[in-house]
N, C-alpha and C. Protein backbone atom coordinates (compact mmCIF):
# COMPACT_ATOMS: atom_id res chain seq x y z
N THR A 1 -6.16 59.67 15.37
CA THR A 1 -7.30 60.53 15.08
C THR A 1 -8.19 59.86 14.03
N ASN A 2 -9.43 60.30 13.98
CA ASN A 2 -10.33 59.77 12.97
C ASN A 2 -10.19 60.58 11.68
N GLU A 3 -11.07 60.35 10.72
CA GLU A 3 -10.99 61.04 9.43
C GLU A 3 -11.09 62.56 9.57
N ALA A 4 -11.81 63.01 10.58
CA ALA A 4 -11.99 64.45 10.80
C ALA A 4 -10.85 65.06 11.59
N GLY A 5 -9.85 64.24 11.95
CA GLY A 5 -8.71 64.74 12.71
C GLY A 5 -8.96 64.84 14.20
N LYS A 6 -10.04 64.23 14.68
CA LYS A 6 -10.39 64.28 16.10
C LYS A 6 -9.84 63.06 16.82
N VAL A 7 -9.32 63.27 18.01
CA VAL A 7 -8.82 62.17 18.83
C VAL A 7 -10.02 61.34 19.30
N THR A 8 -9.89 60.02 19.18
CA THR A 8 -10.97 59.12 19.56
C THR A 8 -10.49 58.20 20.68
N ALA A 9 -11.42 57.41 21.23
CA ALA A 9 -11.08 56.48 22.31
C ALA A 9 -10.03 55.46 21.86
N SER A 10 -10.05 55.08 20.59
CA SER A 10 -9.05 54.11 20.12
C SER A 10 -7.72 54.77 19.76
N SER A 11 -7.76 56.00 19.27
CA SER A 11 -6.50 56.65 18.89
C SER A 11 -5.75 57.25 20.08
N VAL A 12 -6.45 57.55 21.17
CA VAL A 12 -5.79 58.16 22.32
C VAL A 12 -4.82 57.19 22.99
N CYS A 13 -5.02 55.91 22.73
CA CYS A 13 -4.16 54.88 23.33
C CYS A 13 -2.84 54.71 22.58
N LEU A 14 -2.72 55.31 21.41
CA LEU A 14 -1.49 55.20 20.65
C LEU A 14 -0.41 56.07 21.28
N PRO A 15 0.84 55.61 21.26
CA PRO A 15 1.91 56.45 21.83
C PRO A 15 2.06 57.74 21.03
N PRO A 16 2.46 58.83 21.68
CA PRO A 16 2.64 60.10 20.97
C PRO A 16 3.68 59.95 19.86
N LYS A 17 3.46 60.65 18.76
CA LYS A 17 4.39 60.61 17.63
C LYS A 17 5.61 61.48 17.93
N ALA A 18 6.76 61.02 17.49
CA ALA A 18 7.96 61.84 17.58
C ALA A 18 7.85 62.96 16.56
N LEU A 19 8.48 64.07 16.85
CA LEU A 19 8.38 65.22 15.95
C LEU A 19 9.62 65.35 15.08
N ASP A 20 10.39 66.40 15.26
CA ASP A 20 11.45 66.72 14.30
C ASP A 20 12.82 66.96 14.91
N GLY A 21 13.10 66.40 16.06
CA GLY A 21 14.39 66.63 16.69
C GLY A 21 14.45 67.93 17.48
N SER A 22 13.35 68.59 17.62
CA SER A 22 13.29 69.87 18.32
C SER A 22 13.09 69.65 19.81
N PHE A 23 12.93 70.76 20.52
CA PHE A 23 12.65 70.70 21.95
C PHE A 23 11.35 69.94 22.20
N CYS A 24 10.38 70.10 21.30
CA CYS A 24 9.10 69.40 21.48
C CYS A 24 9.30 67.89 21.46
N GLU A 25 10.18 67.40 20.61
CA GLU A 25 10.45 65.97 20.56
C GLU A 25 11.08 65.52 21.87
N PHE A 26 12.00 66.31 22.38
CA PHE A 26 12.62 66.00 23.68
C PHE A 26 11.53 65.91 24.76
N ALA A 27 10.62 66.88 24.75
CA ALA A 27 9.56 66.90 25.75
C ALA A 27 8.69 65.65 25.64
N LEU A 28 8.40 65.22 24.41
CA LEU A 28 7.60 64.02 24.23
C LEU A 28 8.33 62.77 24.70
N SER A 29 9.64 62.77 24.55
CA SER A 29 10.41 61.57 24.88
C SER A 29 10.82 61.51 26.35
N SER A 30 10.70 62.61 27.06
CA SER A 30 11.14 62.65 28.46
C SER A 30 9.95 62.59 29.40
N SER A 31 9.73 61.42 29.98
CA SER A 31 8.61 61.28 30.93
C SER A 31 8.82 62.13 32.17
N THR A 32 10.07 62.32 32.57
CA THR A 32 10.35 63.16 33.74
C THR A 32 9.95 64.59 33.44
N PHE A 33 10.27 65.07 32.25
CA PHE A 33 9.89 66.41 31.84
C PHE A 33 8.37 66.54 31.84
N GLN A 34 7.68 65.54 31.27
CA GLN A 34 6.22 65.56 31.23
C GLN A 34 5.65 65.58 32.64
N GLY A 35 6.20 64.75 33.52
CA GLY A 35 5.72 64.72 34.90
C GLY A 35 5.86 66.05 35.59
N ASN A 36 6.98 66.74 35.34
CA ASN A 36 7.20 68.05 35.96
C ASN A 36 6.27 69.11 35.40
N ILE A 37 6.04 69.09 34.09
CA ILE A 37 5.11 70.06 33.48
C ILE A 37 3.70 69.83 34.02
N ILE A 38 3.31 68.58 34.15
CA ILE A 38 1.98 68.28 34.67
C ILE A 38 1.87 68.71 36.13
N LYS A 39 2.95 68.61 36.87
CA LYS A 39 2.95 69.08 38.26
C LYS A 39 2.65 70.58 38.32
N ILE A 40 3.19 71.33 37.38
CA ILE A 40 2.89 72.77 37.30
C ILE A 40 1.41 72.96 36.97
N LEU A 41 0.87 72.16 36.06
CA LEU A 41 -0.55 72.22 35.72
C LEU A 41 -1.41 71.96 36.95
N ILE A 42 -1.02 70.97 37.75
CA ILE A 42 -1.77 70.65 38.98
C ILE A 42 -1.78 71.86 39.91
N ALA A 43 -0.66 72.55 40.04
CA ALA A 43 -0.61 73.74 40.90
C ALA A 43 -1.54 74.82 40.39
N CYS A 44 -1.62 74.97 39.08
CA CYS A 44 -2.55 75.96 38.49
C CYS A 44 -4.00 75.56 38.75
N ILE A 45 -4.28 74.28 38.62
CA ILE A 45 -5.64 73.79 38.86
C ILE A 45 -6.03 74.00 40.32
N ASP A 46 -5.12 73.68 41.23
CA ASP A 46 -5.41 73.81 42.65
C ASP A 46 -5.57 75.26 43.09
N GLY A 47 -5.02 76.19 42.32
CA GLY A 47 -5.12 77.60 42.65
C GLY A 47 -6.41 78.25 42.17
N SER A 48 -7.30 77.46 41.56
CA SER A 48 -8.52 78.00 40.98
C SER A 48 -9.72 77.22 41.49
N ASP A 49 -10.80 77.94 41.78
CA ASP A 49 -12.03 77.28 42.23
C ASP A 49 -12.83 76.71 41.06
N PHE A 50 -12.66 77.31 39.89
CA PHE A 50 -13.43 76.90 38.72
C PHE A 50 -12.49 76.80 37.54
N ILE A 51 -12.62 75.76 36.77
CA ILE A 51 -11.77 75.59 35.59
C ILE A 51 -12.61 75.85 34.36
N ASP A 52 -12.26 76.87 33.63
CA ASP A 52 -12.96 77.25 32.41
C ASP A 52 -12.31 76.54 31.23
N MET A 53 -13.08 75.74 30.50
CA MET A 53 -12.52 74.98 29.38
C MET A 53 -12.07 75.89 28.24
N ARG A 54 -12.47 77.16 28.25
CA ARG A 54 -11.94 78.07 27.23
C ARG A 54 -10.47 78.33 27.50
N ILE A 55 -10.07 78.28 28.77
CA ILE A 55 -8.67 78.47 29.12
C ILE A 55 -7.91 77.16 28.98
N LEU A 56 -8.48 76.08 29.51
CA LEU A 56 -7.88 74.76 29.37
C LEU A 56 -8.39 74.17 28.07
N ASP A 57 -7.61 74.25 27.04
CA ASP A 57 -7.98 73.73 25.74
C ASP A 57 -8.38 72.27 25.87
N GLU A 58 -9.36 71.85 25.08
CA GLU A 58 -9.83 70.47 25.13
C GLU A 58 -8.70 69.47 24.92
N CYS A 59 -7.69 69.86 24.18
CA CYS A 59 -6.62 68.89 23.89
C CYS A 59 -5.83 68.52 25.14
N ILE A 60 -5.89 69.31 26.19
CA ILE A 60 -5.18 68.94 27.42
C ILE A 60 -5.77 67.65 27.99
N ILE A 61 -7.07 67.48 27.88
CA ILE A 61 -7.71 66.24 28.33
C ILE A 61 -7.18 65.09 27.50
N GLU A 62 -7.11 65.27 26.19
CA GLU A 62 -6.62 64.22 25.30
C GLU A 62 -5.18 63.85 25.63
N LYS A 63 -4.35 64.84 25.89
CA LYS A 63 -2.94 64.57 26.19
C LYS A 63 -2.78 63.85 27.53
N LEU A 64 -3.55 64.25 28.52
CA LEU A 64 -3.48 63.58 29.83
C LEU A 64 -3.98 62.13 29.73
N VAL A 65 -5.07 61.92 29.00
CA VAL A 65 -5.58 60.56 28.83
C VAL A 65 -4.55 59.72 28.06
N CYS A 66 -3.89 60.31 27.08
CA CYS A 66 -2.86 59.60 26.32
C CYS A 66 -1.73 59.13 27.23
N ILE A 67 -1.30 59.98 28.14
CA ILE A 67 -0.23 59.60 29.08
C ILE A 67 -0.71 58.45 29.97
N VAL A 68 -1.93 58.56 30.47
CA VAL A 68 -2.47 57.50 31.32
C VAL A 68 -2.64 56.20 30.52
N ALA A 69 -3.11 56.33 29.28
CA ALA A 69 -3.31 55.14 28.44
C ALA A 69 -1.99 54.44 28.11
N ASN A 70 -0.92 55.20 28.06
CA ASN A 70 0.40 54.63 27.75
C ASN A 70 1.24 54.44 29.00
N SER A 71 0.57 54.14 30.11
CA SER A 71 1.25 54.06 31.40
C SER A 71 2.38 53.03 31.43
N SER A 72 2.27 51.99 30.63
CA SER A 72 3.34 50.98 30.63
C SER A 72 4.60 51.49 29.95
N ARG A 73 4.48 52.53 29.12
CA ARG A 73 5.62 53.09 28.40
C ARG A 73 6.21 54.33 29.08
N MET A 74 5.49 54.85 30.07
CA MET A 74 5.85 56.13 30.66
C MET A 74 6.41 55.94 32.07
N HIS A 75 7.15 56.95 32.50
CA HIS A 75 7.66 56.98 33.86
C HIS A 75 6.48 57.12 34.82
N ASN A 76 6.57 56.46 35.95
CA ASN A 76 5.48 56.48 36.92
C ASN A 76 5.11 57.89 37.37
N LEU A 77 6.10 58.78 37.48
CA LEU A 77 5.83 60.17 37.88
C LEU A 77 4.91 60.86 36.88
N ALA A 78 5.16 60.68 35.60
CA ALA A 78 4.33 61.30 34.57
C ALA A 78 2.90 60.75 34.62
N VAL A 79 2.79 59.44 34.76
CA VAL A 79 1.46 58.81 34.80
C VAL A 79 0.70 59.25 36.04
N ARG A 80 1.35 59.23 37.19
CA ARG A 80 0.70 59.63 38.43
C ARG A 80 0.23 61.09 38.36
N ASN A 81 1.11 61.97 37.91
CA ASN A 81 0.74 63.38 37.82
C ASN A 81 -0.36 63.61 36.79
N ALA A 82 -0.31 62.89 35.67
CA ALA A 82 -1.36 63.01 34.65
C ALA A 82 -2.70 62.55 35.23
N ALA A 83 -2.69 61.45 35.96
CA ALA A 83 -3.92 60.94 36.56
C ALA A 83 -4.49 61.93 37.58
N PHE A 84 -3.62 62.49 38.42
CA PHE A 84 -4.07 63.48 39.41
C PHE A 84 -4.65 64.72 38.73
N ALA A 85 -3.95 65.22 37.71
CA ALA A 85 -4.43 66.41 37.00
C ALA A 85 -5.77 66.13 36.33
N LEU A 86 -5.86 65.00 35.66
CA LEU A 86 -7.09 64.63 34.97
C LEU A 86 -8.25 64.53 35.96
N ALA A 87 -8.02 63.87 37.09
CA ALA A 87 -9.08 63.72 38.09
C ALA A 87 -9.52 65.08 38.62
N ARG A 88 -8.58 65.96 38.85
CA ARG A 88 -8.93 67.29 39.39
C ARG A 88 -9.68 68.13 38.36
N ILE A 89 -9.30 68.02 37.11
CA ILE A 89 -9.98 68.79 36.06
C ILE A 89 -11.41 68.29 35.89
N VAL A 90 -11.59 66.98 35.76
CA VAL A 90 -12.94 66.47 35.50
C VAL A 90 -13.87 66.65 36.71
N LYS A 91 -13.29 66.70 37.89
CA LYS A 91 -14.10 66.93 39.09
C LYS A 91 -14.72 68.32 39.07
N ARG A 92 -14.05 69.27 38.45
CA ARG A 92 -14.51 70.65 38.49
C ARG A 92 -15.16 71.14 37.20
N ASN A 93 -15.12 70.35 36.14
CA ASN A 93 -15.65 70.84 34.87
C ASN A 93 -16.41 69.73 34.16
N GLU A 94 -17.68 69.94 33.96
CA GLU A 94 -18.56 68.92 33.35
C GLU A 94 -18.18 68.62 31.90
N ASP A 95 -17.78 69.64 31.14
CA ASP A 95 -17.36 69.41 29.75
C ASP A 95 -16.12 68.52 29.70
N ALA A 96 -15.21 68.77 30.62
CA ALA A 96 -14.00 67.95 30.69
C ALA A 96 -14.36 66.51 31.07
N MET A 97 -15.30 66.34 31.97
CA MET A 97 -15.75 65.01 32.37
C MET A 97 -16.34 64.27 31.17
N THR A 98 -17.15 64.97 30.40
CA THR A 98 -17.77 64.36 29.22
C THR A 98 -16.71 63.91 28.22
N ARG A 99 -15.74 64.79 27.94
CA ARG A 99 -14.68 64.44 26.98
C ARG A 99 -13.82 63.29 27.51
N CYS A 100 -13.54 63.31 28.78
CA CYS A 100 -12.74 62.24 29.38
C CYS A 100 -13.48 60.90 29.27
N ARG A 101 -14.78 60.92 29.49
CA ARG A 101 -15.57 59.68 29.35
C ARG A 101 -15.57 59.19 27.92
N GLU A 102 -15.69 60.11 26.96
CA GLU A 102 -15.66 59.73 25.54
C GLU A 102 -14.37 58.99 25.20
N LEU A 103 -13.27 59.41 25.81
CA LEU A 103 -11.96 58.83 25.54
C LEU A 103 -11.66 57.62 26.44
N ARG A 104 -12.62 57.23 27.26
CA ARG A 104 -12.47 56.12 28.21
C ARG A 104 -11.44 56.42 29.29
N GLY A 105 -11.19 57.70 29.53
CA GLY A 105 -10.23 58.11 30.54
C GLY A 105 -10.65 57.77 31.96
N ILE A 106 -11.94 57.85 32.23
CA ILE A 106 -12.43 57.52 33.57
C ILE A 106 -12.17 56.04 33.86
N GLU A 107 -12.43 55.19 32.87
CA GLU A 107 -12.16 53.75 33.03
C GLU A 107 -10.68 53.52 33.33
N MET A 108 -9.82 54.25 32.63
CA MET A 108 -8.38 54.10 32.83
C MET A 108 -7.96 54.54 34.23
N LEU A 109 -8.55 55.65 34.70
CA LEU A 109 -8.23 56.14 36.04
C LEU A 109 -8.66 55.12 37.09
N ILE A 110 -9.83 54.55 36.92
CA ILE A 110 -10.32 53.55 37.87
C ILE A 110 -9.41 52.32 37.85
N ALA A 111 -9.02 51.89 36.66
CA ALA A 111 -8.14 50.72 36.55
C ALA A 111 -6.79 50.98 37.20
N LEU A 112 -6.24 52.18 36.99
CA LEU A 112 -4.96 52.52 37.62
C LEU A 112 -5.08 52.56 39.13
N GLY A 113 -6.20 53.12 39.60
CA GLY A 113 -6.43 53.18 41.04
C GLY A 113 -6.54 51.80 41.66
N LYS A 114 -7.25 50.91 40.99
CA LYS A 114 -7.43 49.54 41.51
C LYS A 114 -6.11 48.77 41.49
N SER A 115 -5.26 49.06 40.49
CA SER A 115 -4.00 48.34 40.39
C SER A 115 -2.97 48.81 41.40
N GLY A 116 -3.23 49.99 41.99
CA GLY A 116 -2.29 50.54 42.96
C GLY A 116 -1.11 51.24 42.32
N ASP A 117 -1.17 51.47 41.01
CA ASP A 117 -0.07 52.12 40.30
C ASP A 117 -0.03 53.63 40.53
N ILE A 118 -1.11 54.18 41.05
CA ILE A 118 -1.09 55.62 41.33
C ILE A 118 -1.46 55.88 42.77
């Protein structure tokens, strides 16, 4: 994050910090768990014609871009599901597209697509 505590294009590429030995730390360390949670998110996205960013907190974009940015450290399932969720969200919401571009998430999605990793 920058001085104001906001996630930036350079900080989003850093691996997530470990927490305190709690369930949240387990969730951060388990790519399979992350992939499954994102799969649920995809089902919620697909069940809606419009995605309201008031419901989808802006930080979800940051977290999905972080997973994609750390694709070499993550399980392929988590990366693939994060990329699919991110693509579906930005396709339907202009604010999400703008935030994703700020974080260089669109570039990452294109690079992953070209590499054949997703």
